[in-house]
Amino acid sequence: MNRKIRSSIFLFTAPMIWGVAFVMQCMVDTVAVGTLTFNAVRYLLGALSLLPIIFFFEKEEYEPQKFRKTIIYGIITGIILFVASEFQMYGISINKSSGKSGFLTGLYMVIVPFLNLLIYKRKVLLKEWAAAIVATTGLFLLSVSEGFSNVSAGDFMVFVSAFFWAAHILAIDNFVDRVSPVKYSCVQFLTCAVLNGIFATFCEDFSVSGLCVNWLPILYTGVLSTGLGYTFQILGQRDANPNFASIVLASEGVYAALAGAVILSEKMTLKGYTGCVLMFLGTILSQVKLKKSVY
């Protein structure tokens, strides 16, 4: 199969998996299991689920330098993933909205260019400023669709997570060509699981019964969303045009809204839906090619 076609399949599948994962995260009983414990088990399952794939499909000659980079870069990416996922999961545990959380998370694609400016001194294009304005307007309509009293701490936490998801994407873009992709993915999940486990030991009470109550969200987010979804992202980004990849991955917000409506019977006001549309348009606008830059 052509590598570009294969990468497209990976990219189109990943946001579908992630969209349903928002529903699963909304279904988590955080009284029975804390968010740190949930993420620890989830990412441990994700790491374990990749071991057969590594054994059967990523057999390669041992290269000390590449192996060392895979471990080091995987740990760095795993630390970013730990922060991003905890902000997101804690926020979702408060607002319990799959659609809203999906679109708030999707703002990472608008944030990426500005992080590029801060970190790599890359110019911010005119269309990226326009995209930020459109997406921010959509965010306002979505989050305050019923007045400012409707803006929850959960919304803010998920919004903050978008900045770390943007950093996560930049890390993958920077590292993926220098590592063994599936091993790299496994290392980042294991790092994230260990960090969640350490903090959970001091901040939460562990309960086997709590894990049993939440078996479905843990299994789905661990094996499918984490193990397959993020690995599909890495494999897809490796061989796809970055603009095309960005647009496809950002569609997770649309799938989250659809899954929330079908599975959780979620409803939003007209302003809320308008906000979702504007945020998605802002994401697409951020990928449209224009020549001019303003900074």
C-alpha atoms as a PDB file:
ATOM      1  CA  MET A   1       0.000   0.000   0.000  1.00  0.00           C
ATOM      2  CA  ASN A   2       1.218   3.516  -0.839  1.00  0.00           C
ATOM      3  CA  ARG A   3       2.720   5.186   2.263  1.00  0.00           C
ATOM      4  CA  LYS A   4       0.659   8.361   1.797  1.00  0.00           C
ATOM      5  CA  ILE A   5      -2.566   6.368   1.541  1.00  0.00           C
ATOM      6  CA  ARG A   6      -1.594   4.405   4.651  1.00  0.00           C
ATOM      7  CA  SER A   7      -0.817   7.596   6.581  1.00  0.00           C
ATOM      8  CA  SER A   8      -4.182   9.053   5.514  1.00  0.00           C
ATOM      9  CA  ILE A   9      -5.960   5.986   6.893  1.00  0.00           C
ATOM     10  CA  PHE A  10      -4.098   6.400  10.191  1.00  0.00           C
ATOM     11  CA  LEU A  11      -4.953  10.115  10.348  1.00  0.00           C
ATOM     12  CA  PHE A  12      -8.649   9.690   9.570  1.00  0.00           C
ATOM     13  CA  THR A  13      -9.017   6.875  12.095  1.00  0.00           C
ATOM     14  CA  ALA A  14      -7.282   8.605  15.029  1.00  0.00           C
ATOM     15  CA  PRO A  15      -9.763  11.507  15.519  1.00  0.00           C
ATOM     16  CA  MET A  16     -12.724   9.122  15.247  1.00  0.00           C
ATOM     17  CA  ILE A  17     -11.282   7.056  18.095  1.00  0.00           C
ATOM     18  CA  TRP A  18     -10.501  10.182  20.135  1.00  0.00           C
ATOM     19  CA  GLY A  19     -13.984  11.618  19.590  1.00  0.00           C
ATOM     20  CA  VAL A  20     -15.654   8.610  21.214  1.00  0.00           C
ATOM     21  CA  ALA A  21     -12.995   8.712  23.954  1.00  0.00           C
ATOM     22  CA  PHE A  22     -14.418  12.047  25.150  1.00  0.00           C
ATOM     23  CA  VAL A  23     -17.731  10.264  25.775  1.00  0.00           C
ATOM     24  CA  MET A  24     -15.932   7.521  27.678  1.00  0.00           C
ATOM     25  CA  GLN A  25     -14.117  10.088  29.828  1.00  0.00           C
ATOM     26  CA  CYS A  26     -17.457  11.767  30.609  1.00  0.00           C
ATOM     27  CA  MET A  27     -18.770   8.377  31.757  1.00  0.00           C
ATOM     28  CA  VAL A  28     -15.996   7.895  34.330  1.00  0.00           C
ATOM     29  CA  ASP A  29     -17.218   7.787  37.940  1.00  0.00           C
ATOM     30  CA  THR A  30     -14.548  10.019  39.495  1.00  0.00           C
ATOM     31  CA  VAL A  31     -15.933   9.327  42.965  1.00  0.00           C
ATOM     32  CA  ALA A  32     -14.966   5.667  42.551  1.00  0.00           C
ATOM     33  CA  VAL A  33     -11.616   6.346  40.838  1.00  0.00           C
ATOM     34  CA  GLY A  34      -9.566   9.561  40.784  1.00  0.00           C
ATOM     35  CA  THR A  35      -8.427  11.176  37.556  1.00  0.00           C
ATOM     36  CA  LEU A  36      -4.753  10.447  38.286  1.00  0.00           C
ATOM     37  CA  THR A  37      -5.457   6.775  38.958  1.00  0.00           C
ATOM     38  CA  PHE A  38      -7.647   6.569  35.865  1.00  0.00           C
ATOM     39  CA  ASN A  39      -4.915   8.054  33.671  1.00  0.00           C
ATOM     40  CA  ALA A  40      -2.235   5.861  35.259  1.00  0.00           C
ATOM     41  CA  VAL A  41      -4.123   2.661  34.408  1.00  0.00           C
ATOM     42  CA  ARG A  42      -5.215   4.008  31.030  1.00  0.00           C
ATOM     43  CA  TYR A  43      -1.704   4.841  29.843  1.00  0.00           C
ATOM     44  CA  LEU A  44      -0.240   1.662  31.310  1.00  0.00           C
ATOM     45  CA  LEU A  45      -2.762  -0.305  29.250  1.00  0.00           C
ATOM     46  CA  GLY A  46      -1.816   1.810  26.243  1.00  0.00           C
ATOM     47  CA  ALA A  47       1.868   0.975  26.682  1.00  0.00           C
ATOM     48  CA  LEU A  48       1.185  -2.750  27.178  1.00  0.00           C
ATOM     49  CA  SER A  49      -1.091  -2.884  24.135  1.00  0.00           C
ATOM     50  CA  LEU A  50       1.819  -1.741  21.949  1.00  0.00           C
ATOM     51  CA  LEU A  51       4.206  -4.512  22.991  1.00  0.00           C
ATOM     52  CA  PRO A  52       2.804  -7.082  20.509  1.00  0.00           C
ATOM     53  CA  ILE A  53       2.921  -4.450  17.730  1.00  0.00           C
ATOM     54  CA  ILE A  54       6.563  -3.693  18.538  1.00  0.00           C
ATOM     55  CA  PHE A  55       7.444  -7.398  18.649  1.00  0.00           C
ATOM     56  CA  PHE A  56       5.774  -8.320  15.349  1.00  0.00           C
ATOM     57  CA  PHE A  57       5.895  -5.138  13.254  1.00  0.00           C
ATOM     58  CA  GLU A  58       8.804  -2.975  14.427  1.00  0.00           C
ATOM     59  CA  LYS A  59      11.652  -5.423  14.315  1.00  0.00           C
ATOM     60  CA  GLU A  60      14.759  -3.508  13.316  1.00  0.00           C
ATOM     61  CA  GLU A  61      18.500  -3.657  13.659  1.00  0.00           C
ATOM     62  CA  TYR A  62      19.709  -2.243  16.970  1.00  0.00           C
ATOM     63  CA  GLU A  63      21.150   1.261  16.575  1.00  0.00           C
ATOM     64  CA  PRO A  64      22.450   2.635  19.911  1.00  0.00           C
ATOM     65  CA  GLN A  65      21.983   6.293  18.970  1.00  0.00           C
ATOM     66  CA  LYS A  66      18.462   5.824  17.621  1.00  0.00           C
ATOM     67  CA  PHE A  67      17.477   3.689  20.612  1.00  0.00           C
ATOM     68  CA  ARG A  68      18.816   6.321  23.024  1.00  0.00           C
ATOM     69  CA  LYS A  69      16.878   9.061  21.236  1.00  0.00           C
ATOM     70  CA  THR A  70      13.726   6.946  21.278  1.00  0.00           C
ATOM     71  CA  ILE A  71      13.972   6.611  25.066  1.00  0.00           C
ATOM     72  CA  ILE A  72      14.929  10.231  25.811  1.00  0.00           C
ATOM     73  CA  TYR A  73      12.433  11.814  23.410  1.00  0.00           C
ATOM     74  CA  GLY A  74       9.736   9.404  24.544  1.00  0.00           C
ATOM     75  CA  ILE A  75      10.249  10.476  28.165  1.00  0.00           C
ATOM     76  CA  ILE A  76      10.110  14.172  27.233  1.00  0.00           C
ATOM     77  CA  THR A  77       6.921  13.663  25.224  1.00  0.00           C
ATOM     78  CA  GLY A  78       5.465  11.536  28.028  1.00  0.00           C
ATOM     79  CA  ILE A  79       5.949  14.360  30.547  1.00  0.00           C
ATOM     80  CA  ILE A  80       4.058  16.748  28.261  1.00  0.00           C
ATOM     81  CA  LEU A  81       1.360  14.111  27.745  1.00  0.00           C
ATOM     82  CA  PHE A  82       1.018  13.686  31.514  1.00  0.00           C
ATOM     83  CA  VAL A  83       0.289  17.378  32.063  1.00  0.00           C
ATOM     84  CA  ALA A  84      -2.031  17.659  29.055  1.00  0.00           C
ATOM     85  CA  SER A  85      -4.072  14.568  29.871  1.00  0.00           C
ATOM     86  CA  GLU A  86      -4.474  15.423  33.552  1.00  0.00           C
ATOM     87  CA  PHE A  87      -5.732  18.943  32.846  1.00  0.00           C
ATOM     88  CA  GLN A  88      -8.105  17.521  30.254  1.00  0.00           C
ATOM     89  CA  MET A  89      -9.369  14.608  32.351  1.00  0.00           C
ATOM     90  CA  TYR A  90      -9.862  16.737  35.463  1.00  0.00           C
ATOM     91  CA  GLY A  91     -11.739  19.321  33.410  1.00  0.00           C
ATOM     92  CA  ILE A  92     -13.978  16.703  31.805  1.00  0.00           C
ATOM     93  CA  SER A  93     -14.723  15.246  35.245  1.00  0.00           C
ATOM     94  CA  ILE A  94     -16.225  18.649  36.127  1.00  0.00           C
ATOM     95  CA  ASN A  95     -18.035  19.797  32.986  1.00  0.00           C
ATOM     96  CA  LYS A  96     -19.119  16.291  31.830  1.00  0.00           C
ATOM     97  CA  SER A  97     -19.579  17.513  28.250  1.00  0.00           C
ATOM     98  CA  SER A  98     -18.124  15.471  25.410  1.00  0.00           C
ATOM     99  CA  GLY A  99     -18.892  17.989  22.656  1.00  0.00           C
ATOM    100  CA  LYS A 100     -17.657  21.073  24.487  1.00  0.00           C
ATOM    101  CA  SER A 101     -14.521  19.323  25.726  1.00  0.00           C
ATOM    102  CA  GLY A 102     -13.749  18.054  22.240  1.00  0.00           C
ATOM    103  CA  PHE A 103     -13.876  21.509  20.692  1.00  0.00           C
ATOM    104  CA  LEU A 104     -11.985  23.137  23.565  1.00  0.00           C
ATOM    105  CA  THR A 105      -9.241  20.549  23.152  1.00  0.00           C
ATOM    106  CA  GLY A 106      -9.244  21.091  19.381  1.00  0.00           C
ATOM    107  CA  LEU A 107      -8.029  24.640  19.894  1.00  0.00           C
ATOM    108  CA  TYR A 108      -4.512  23.198  20.038  1.00  0.00           C
ATOM    109  CA  MET A 109      -4.285  23.550  16.266  1.00  0.00           C
ATOM    110  CA  VAL A 110      -4.730  27.319  16.547  1.00  0.00           C
ATOM    111  CA  ILE A 111      -2.260  27.503  19.441  1.00  0.00           C
ATOM    112  CA  VAL A 112       0.520  25.597  17.645  1.00  0.00           C
ATOM    113  CA  PRO A 113       1.656  28.535  15.442  1.00  0.00           C
ATOM    114  CA  PHE A 114       2.015  30.824  18.452  1.00  0.00           C
ATOM    115  CA  LEU A 115       4.016  28.261  20.400  1.00  0.00           C
ATOM    116  CA  ASN A 116       6.192  27.988  17.318  1.00  0.00           C
ATOM    117  CA  LEU A 117       6.772  31.735  17.576  1.00  0.00           C
ATOM    118  CA  LEU A 118       7.781  31.531  21.225  1.00  0.00           C
ATOM    119  CA  ILE A 119       9.937  28.419  20.943  1.00  0.00           C
ATOM    120  CA  TYR A 120      11.339  28.452  17.408  1.00  0.00           C
ATOM    121  CA  LYS A 121      10.883  32.161  16.509  1.00  0.00           C
ATOM    122  CA  ARG A 122       8.743  31.175  13.532  1.00  0.00           C
ATOM    123  CA  LYS A 123       6.701  34.020  12.038  1.00  0.00           C
ATOM    124  CA  VAL A 124       2.962  34.055  12.728  1.00  0.00           C
ATOM    125  CA  LEU A 125       1.075  34.440   9.457  1.00  0.00           C
ATOM    126  CA  LEU A 126      -1.840  36.794   8.898  1.00  0.00           C
ATOM    127  CA  LYS A 127      -4.241  33.882   8.438  1.00  0.00           C
ATOM    128  CA  GLU A 128      -3.098  32.429  11.780  1.00  0.00           C
ATOM    129  CA  TRP A 129      -4.022  35.645  13.576  1.00  0.00           C
ATOM    130  CA  ALA A 130      -7.389  35.571  11.777  1.00  0.00           C
ATOM    131  CA  ALA A 131      -7.858  31.922  12.732  1.00  0.00           C
ATOM    132  CA  ALA A 132      -7.152  32.734  16.384  1.00  0.00           C
ATOM    133  CA  ILE A 133      -9.790  35.507  16.365  1.00  0.00           C
ATOM    134  CA  VAL A 134     -12.412  33.286  14.718  1.00  0.00           C
ATOM    135  CA  ALA A 135     -11.681  30.347  17.045  1.00  0.00           C
ATOM    136  CA  THR A 136     -11.659  32.552  20.150  1.00  0.00           C
ATOM    137  CA  THR A 137     -15.052  33.980  19.138  1.00  0.00           C
ATOM    138  CA  GLY A 138     -16.319  30.433  18.782  1.00  0.00           C
ATOM    139  CA  LEU A 139     -14.874  29.547  22.169  1.00  0.00           C
ATOM    140  CA  PHE A 140     -16.707  32.475  23.733  1.00  0.00           C
ATOM    141  CA  LEU A 141     -20.046  31.466  22.187  1.00  0.00           C
ATOM    142  CA  LEU A 142     -19.567  27.826  23.187  1.00  0.00           C
ATOM    143  CA  SER A 143     -18.461  28.439  26.760  1.00  0.00           C
ATOM    144  CA  VAL A 144     -20.820  31.309  27.622  1.00  0.00           C
ATOM    145  CA  SER A 145     -23.794  30.193  25.536  1.00  0.00           C
ATOM    146  CA  GLU A 146     -25.993  30.482  28.635  1.00  0.00           C
ATOM    147  CA  GLY A 147     -24.228  33.450  30.189  1.00  0.00           C
ATOM    148  CA  PHE A 148     -20.973  33.804  32.102  1.00  0.00           C
ATOM    149  CA  SER A 149     -22.372  31.676  34.923  1.00  0.00           C
ATOM    150  CA  ASN A 150     -22.163  28.733  32.518  1.00  0.00           C
ATOM    151  CA  VAL A 151     -18.356  28.894  32.298  1.00  0.00           C
ATOM    152  CA  SER A 152     -17.100  26.195  34.639  1.00  0.00           C
ATOM    153  CA  ALA A 153     -13.719  25.468  36.127  1.00  0.00           C
ATOM    154  CA  GLY A 154     -13.812  22.327  34.018  1.00  0.00           C
ATOM    155  CA  ASP A 155     -14.029  24.386  30.821  1.00  0.00           C
ATOM    156  CA  PHE A 156     -10.980  26.371  31.923  1.00  0.00           C
ATOM    157  CA  MET A 157      -9.007  23.202  32.721  1.00  0.00           C
ATOM    158  CA  VAL A 158      -9.745  21.669  29.312  1.00  0.00           C
ATOM    159  CA  PHE A 159      -8.835  24.975  27.653  1.00  0.00           C
ATOM    160  CA  VAL A 160      -5.476  24.970  29.465  1.00  0.00           C
ATOM    161  CA  SER A 161      -4.894  21.388  28.319  1.00  0.00           C
ATOM    162  CA  ALA A 162      -5.105  22.588  24.707  1.00  0.00           C
ATOM    163  CA  PHE A 163      -1.803  24.464  25.181  1.00  0.00           C
ATOM    164  CA  PHE A 164      -0.086  21.281  26.332  1.00  0.00           C
ATOM    165  CA  TRP A 165      -1.650  19.257  23.505  1.00  0.00           C
ATOM    166  CA  ALA A 166      -0.165  21.841  21.149  1.00  0.00           C
ATOM    167  CA  ALA A 167       3.233  21.318  22.804  1.00  0.00           C
ATOM    168  CA  HIS A 168       2.698  17.564  22.435  1.00  0.00           C
ATOM    169  CA  ILE A 169       2.168  17.929  18.683  1.00  0.00           C
ATOM    170  CA  LEU A 170       5.284  20.094  18.348  1.00  0.00           C
ATOM    171  CA  ALA A 171       7.302  17.510  20.256  1.00  0.00           C
ATOM    172  CA  ILE A 172       6.134  14.716  17.952  1.00  0.00           C
ATOM    173  CA  ASP A 173       6.846  16.816  14.848  1.00  0.00           C
ATOM    174  CA  ASN A 174      10.331  17.517  16.157  1.00  0.00           C
ATOM    175  CA  PHE A 175      11.191  13.964  17.272  1.00  0.00           C
ATOM    176  CA  VAL A 176       9.319  11.503  15.055  1.00  0.00           C
ATOM    177  CA  ASP A 177      11.875  11.295  12.228  1.00  0.00           C
ATOM    178  CA  ARG A 178      14.684  10.428  14.659  1.00  0.00           C
ATOM    179  CA  VAL A 179      13.046   7.586  16.598  1.00  0.00           C
ATOM    180  CA  SER A 180      11.407   4.185  16.230  1.00  0.00           C
ATOM    181  CA  PRO A 181       7.767   5.414  16.173  1.00  0.00           C
ATOM    182  CA  VAL A 182       5.922   2.625  18.004  1.00  0.00           C
ATOM    183  CA  LYS A 183       8.659   2.224  20.631  1.00  0.00           C
ATOM    184  CA  TYR A 184       8.656   6.005  21.041  1.00  0.00           C
ATOM    185  CA  SER A 185       4.890   5.910  21.551  1.00  0.00           C
ATOM    186  CA  CYS A 186       5.232   3.106  24.103  1.00  0.00           C
ATOM    187  CA  VAL A 187       7.879   5.015  26.086  1.00  0.00           C
ATOM    188  CA  GLN A 188       5.745   8.161  26.267  1.00  0.00           C
ATOM    189  CA  PHE A 189       2.748   6.171  27.528  1.00  0.00           C
ATOM    190  CA  LEU A 190       4.823   4.374  30.129  1.00  0.00           C
ATOM    191  CA  THR A 191       6.325   7.685  31.309  1.00  0.00           C
ATOM    192  CA  CYS A 192       2.853   9.211  31.567  1.00  0.00           C
ATOM    193  CA  ALA A 193       1.544   6.169  33.476  1.00  0.00           C
ATOM    194  CA  VAL A 194       4.421   6.265  35.980  1.00  0.00           C
ATOM    195  CA  LEU A 195       3.985  10.007  36.642  1.00  0.00           C
ATOM    196  CA  ASN A 196       0.234   9.609  37.128  1.00  0.00           C
ATOM    197  CA  GLY A 197       0.845   6.655  39.421  1.00  0.00           C
ATOM    198  CA  ILE A 198       3.343   8.581  41.585  1.00  0.00           C
ATOM    199  CA  PHE A 199       1.013  11.542  42.042  1.00  0.00           C
ATOM    200  CA  ALA A 200      -2.002   9.269  42.574  1.00  0.00           C
ATOM    201  CA  THR A 201      -0.170   7.524  45.428  1.00  0.00           C
ATOM    202  CA  PHE A 202      -0.026  10.784  47.361  1.00  0.00           C
ATOM    203  CA  CYS A 203      -3.258  12.447  46.219  1.00  0.00           C
ATOM    204  CA  GLU A 204      -5.851   9.689  45.759  1.00  0.00           C
ATOM    205  CA  ASP A 205      -7.124   6.491  47.335  1.00  0.00           C
ATOM    206  CA  PHE A 206      -6.655   3.397  45.198  1.00  0.00           C
ATOM    207  CA  SER A 207      -9.699   1.151  44.818  1.00  0.00           C
ATOM    208  CA  VAL A 208      -9.896  -2.053  42.794  1.00  0.00           C
ATOM    209  CA  SER A 209     -13.684  -1.850  42.931  1.00  0.00           C
ATOM    210  CA  GLY A 210     -13.471   1.681  41.525  1.00  0.00           C
ATOM    211  CA  LEU A 211     -11.480   0.395  38.562  1.00  0.00           C
ATOM    212  CA  CYS A 212     -14.019  -2.384  38.037  1.00  0.00           C
ATOM    213  CA  VAL A 213     -16.893   0.105  37.998  1.00  0.00           C
ATOM    214  CA  ASN A 214     -15.088   2.076  35.278  1.00  0.00           C
ATOM    215  CA  TRP A 215     -13.848  -0.921  33.274  1.00  0.00           C
ATOM    216  CA  LEU A 216     -15.371   0.201  29.953  1.00  0.00           C
ATOM    217  CA  PRO A 217     -13.909   3.762  29.879  1.00  0.00           C
ATOM    218  CA  ILE A 218     -10.545   2.432  31.093  1.00  0.00           C
ATOM    219  CA  LEU A 219     -10.451  -0.320  28.465  1.00  0.00           C
ATOM    220  CA  TYR A 220     -11.522   1.953  25.611  1.00  0.00           C
ATOM    221  CA  THR A 221      -9.286   4.910  26.451  1.00  0.00           C
ATOM    222  CA  GLY A 222      -6.377   2.625  27.328  1.00  0.00           C
ATOM    223  CA  VAL A 223      -6.268   0.245  24.385  1.00  0.00           C
ATOM    224  CA  LEU A 224      -8.049   2.174  21.621  1.00  0.00           C
ATOM    225  CA  SER A 225      -7.693   5.891  22.363  1.00  0.00           C
ATOM    226  CA  THR A 226      -4.200   5.693  23.855  1.00  0.00           C
ATOM    227  CA  GLY A 227      -2.603   2.579  22.372  1.00  0.00           C
ATOM    228  CA  LEU A 228      -3.990   2.916  18.853  1.00  0.00           C
ATOM    229  CA  GLY A 229      -5.103   6.550  18.563  1.00  0.00           C
ATOM    230  CA  TYR A 230      -1.847   8.271  19.534  1.00  0.00           C
ATOM    231  CA  THR A 231       0.220   5.709  17.650  1.00  0.00           C
ATOM    232  CA  PHE A 232      -1.898   6.321  14.539  1.00  0.00           C
ATOM    233  CA  GLN A 233      -1.174  10.029  15.020  1.00  0.00           C
ATOM    234  CA  ILE A 234       2.576   9.414  15.081  1.00  0.00           C
ATOM    235  CA  LEU A 235       2.513   7.052  12.087  1.00  0.00           C
ATOM    236  CA  GLY A 236       0.218   9.391  10.170  1.00  0.00           C
ATOM    237  CA  GLN A 237       2.265  12.536  10.823  1.00  0.00           C
ATOM    238  CA  ARG A 238       5.384  10.735   9.657  1.00  0.00           C
ATOM    239  CA  ASP A 239       4.289  10.460   6.000  1.00  0.00           C
ATOM    240  CA  ALA A 240       1.567  13.086   5.545  1.00  0.00           C
ATOM    241  CA  ASN A 241       1.557  16.724   4.544  1.00  0.00           C
ATOM    242  CA  PRO A 242       1.454  18.614   7.885  1.00  0.00           C
ATOM    243  CA  ASN A 243      -1.361  20.942   6.787  1.00  0.00           C
ATOM    244  CA  PHE A 244      -3.503  17.991   5.730  1.00  0.00           C
ATOM    245  CA  ALA A 245      -2.668  16.146   8.954  1.00  0.00           C
ATOM    246  CA  SER A 246      -3.600  19.135  11.104  1.00  0.00           C
ATOM    247  CA  ILE A 247      -7.024  19.549   9.532  1.00  0.00           C
ATOM    248  CA  VAL A 248      -7.846  15.846   9.839  1.00  0.00           C
ATOM    249  CA  LEU A 249      -6.685  15.507  13.460  1.00  0.00           C
ATOM    250  CA  ALA A 250      -8.610  18.619  14.512  1.00  0.00           C
ATOM    251  CA  SER A 251     -11.849  16.906  13.465  1.00  0.00           C
ATOM    252  CA  GLU A 252     -11.831  15.053  16.798  1.00  0.00           C
ATOM    253  CA  GLY A 253     -14.039  17.865  18.141  1.00  0.00           C
ATOM    254  CA  VAL A 254     -16.692  17.102  15.536  1.00  0.00           C
ATOM    255  CA  TYR A 255     -16.644  13.387  16.378  1.00  0.00           C
ATOM    256  CA  ALA A 256     -16.793  14.203  20.097  1.00  0.00           C
ATOM    257  CA  ALA A 257     -19.894  16.342  19.547  1.00  0.00           C
ATOM    258  CA  LEU A 258     -21.553  13.664  17.396  1.00  0.00           C
ATOM    259  CA  ALA A 259     -20.694  10.888  19.857  1.00  0.00           C
ATOM    260  CA  GLY A 260     -21.925  12.999  22.758  1.00  0.00           C
ATOM    261  CA  ALA A 261     -25.237  13.649  21.021  1.00  0.00           C
ATOM    262  CA  VAL A 262     -25.760   9.985  20.083  1.00  0.00           C
ATOM    263  CA  ILE A 263     -24.487   8.242  23.226  1.00  0.00           C
ATOM    264  CA  LEU A 264     -25.035  10.816  25.990  1.00  0.00           C
ATOM    265  CA  SER A 265     -27.970  12.700  24.400  1.00  0.00           C
ATOM    266  CA  GLU A 266     -26.063  15.958  24.823  1.00  0.00           C
ATOM    267  CA  LYS A 267     -27.744  19.145  23.640  1.00  0.00           C
ATOM    268  CA  MET A 268     -26.396  22.646  23.160  1.00  0.00           C
ATOM    269  CA  THR A 269     -27.987  26.004  22.489  1.00  0.00           C
ATOM    270  CA  LEU A 270     -27.863  27.581  19.032  1.00  0.00           C
ATOM    271  CA  LYS A 271     -25.035  29.819  20.288  1.00  0.00           C
ATOM    272  CA  GLY A 272     -23.156  26.726  21.414  1.00  0.00           C
ATOM    273  CA  TYR A 273     -23.437  25.055  18.021  1.00  0.00           C
ATOM    274  CA  THR A 274     -22.463  28.328  16.323  1.00  0.00           C
ATOM    275  CA  GLY A 275     -19.407  28.440  18.583  1.00  0.00           C
ATOM    276  CA  CYS A 276     -18.448  24.888  17.574  1.00  0.00           C
ATOM    277  CA  VAL A 277     -18.704  25.800  13.895  1.00  0.00           C
ATOM    278  CA  LEU A 278     -16.574  28.931  14.345  1.00  0.00           C
ATOM    279  CA  MET A 279     -13.922  27.037  16.311  1.00  0.00           C
ATOM    280  CA  PHE A 280     -13.719  24.391  13.592  1.00  0.00           C
ATOM    281  CA  LEU A 281     -13.578  27.067  10.880  1.00  0.00           C
ATOM    282  CA  GLY A 282     -10.795  28.760  12.816  1.00  0.00           C
ATOM    283  CA  THR A 283      -8.880  25.502  12.889  1.00  0.00           C
ATOM    284  CA  ILE A 284      -9.259  25.055   9.122  1.00  0.00           C
ATOM    285  CA  LEU A 285      -8.386  28.722   8.480  1.00  0.00           C
ATOM    286  CA  SER A 286      -5.166  28.249  10.430  1.00  0.00           C
ATOM    287  CA  GLN A 287      -4.086  25.728   7.770  1.00  0.00           C
ATOM    288  CA  VAL A 288      -5.012  27.742   4.656  1.00  0.00           C
ATOM    289  CA  LYS A 289      -1.958  28.905   2.749  1.00  0.00           C
ATOM    290  CA  LEU A 290      -1.320  32.654   2.556  1.00  0.00           C
ATOM    291  CA  LYS A 291       1.977  34.308   1.768  1.00  0.00           C
ATOM    292  CA  LYS A 292       1.912  37.293   4.069  1.00  0.00           C
ATOM    293  CA  SER A 293       3.104  37.355   7.684  1.00  0.00           C
ATOM    294  CA  VAL A 294       2.591  40.122  10.217  1.00  0.00           C
ATOM    295  CA  TYR A 295       5.197  39.277  12.829  1.00  0.00           C
END
